Amino acid sequence: MAKEEFCYTCDRFEPHRKLTGRETAWLKNRLGRAGVHEFLVCLAPGCRNLRTGGNKRPFDDTIRLPVLD
């Protein structure tokens, strides 16, 4: 279920959702962390920016979630 959150790359409120299983595995590997349950992905066309529920800019450099087929 999508939730409206502010996306700093879009510079406006956009729908975000929690990560799927494959996306979670990708982000764990990318960050070298055991857990990434707090992350959301922006659903605006072409964005896919990652944020947490409480932090709109959790990384110094933008991390965009790739499309995982």
Protein backbone atom coordinates (compact mmCIF):
# COMPACT_ATOMS: atom_id res chain seq x y z
CA MET A 1 0.00 0.00 0.00
CA ALA A 2 1.45 3.36 -1.05
CA LYS A 3 1.86 6.18 1.46
CA GLU A 4 2.40 9.88 0.63
CA GLU A 5 5.87 11.00 1.78
CA PHE A 6 8.13 13.87 0.78
CA CYS A 7 10.72 12.92 -1.87
CA TYR A 8 13.72 15.25 -1.87
CA THR A 9 14.72 14.31 -5.43
CA CYS A 10 11.20 15.03 -6.75
CA ASP A 11 10.91 18.01 -4.36
CA ARG A 12 7.26 17.20 -3.57
CA PHE A 13 5.06 14.66 -1.84
CA GLU A 14 4.81 11.41 -3.81
CA PRO A 15 3.53 7.90 -3.07
CA HIS A 16 6.09 5.58 -1.46
CA ARG A 17 5.92 1.88 -0.59
CA LYS A 18 7.89 -0.64 1.42
CA LEU A 19 10.45 -2.78 -0.39
CA THR A 20 9.72 -6.23 -1.78
CA GLY A 21 11.78 -9.27 -0.84
CA ARG A 22 14.17 -8.97 -3.80
CA GLU A 23 14.53 -5.22 -3.26
CA THR A 24 15.27 -5.77 0.43
CA ALA A 25 17.98 -8.31 -0.46
CA TRP A 26 19.52 -5.88 -2.98
CA LEU A 27 19.60 -3.01 -0.47
CA LYS A 28 21.04 -5.19 2.30
CA ASN A 29 23.85 -6.18 -0.06
CA ARG A 30 24.35 -2.58 -1.28
CA LEU A 31 24.56 -1.14 2.25
CA GLY A 32 26.17 -4.14 3.97
CA ARG A 33 23.46 -4.10 6.63
CA ALA A 34 21.53 -6.93 8.23
CA GLY A 35 18.23 -5.06 8.19
CA VAL A 36 16.63 -2.44 5.93
CA HIS A 37 12.99 -2.70 7.03
CA GLU A 38 12.69 1.08 7.55
CA PHE A 39 13.27 2.02 3.88
CA LEU A 40 10.62 3.18 1.41
CA VAL A 41 10.88 3.65 -2.37
CA CYS A 42 9.39 6.62 -4.25
CA LEU A 43 6.86 5.54 -6.86
CA ALA A 44 6.98 8.69 -9.02
CA PRO A 45 7.77 7.81 -12.66
CA GLY A 46 11.54 7.50 -13.13
CA CYS A 47 12.44 8.29 -9.50
CA ARG A 48 12.80 5.20 -7.24
CA ASN A 49 14.65 7.24 -4.60
CA LEU A 50 15.06 5.57 -1.22
CA ARG A 51 14.18 7.16 2.12
CA THR A 52 13.24 6.00 5.59
CA GLY A 53 9.95 6.74 7.27
CA GLY A 54 11.58 9.36 9.48
CA ASN A 55 14.40 10.66 7.27
CA LYS A 56 13.75 12.07 3.82
CA ARG A 57 17.49 12.11 3.01
CA PRO A 58 19.24 9.20 4.75
CA PHE A 59 22.29 9.14 2.41
CA ASP A 60 24.82 11.79 1.40
CA ASP A 61 24.56 10.57 -2.20
CA THR A 62 21.19 9.59 -3.64
CA ILE A 63 20.54 5.86 -3.83
CA ARG A 64 17.90 4.87 -6.34
CA LEU A 65 16.50 1.39 -6.29
CA PRO A 66 17.02 -0.37 -9.62
CA VAL A 67 14.13 -2.20 -11.27
CA LEU A 68 14.64 -5.84 -10.32
CA ASP A 69 12.85 -8.24 -12.66
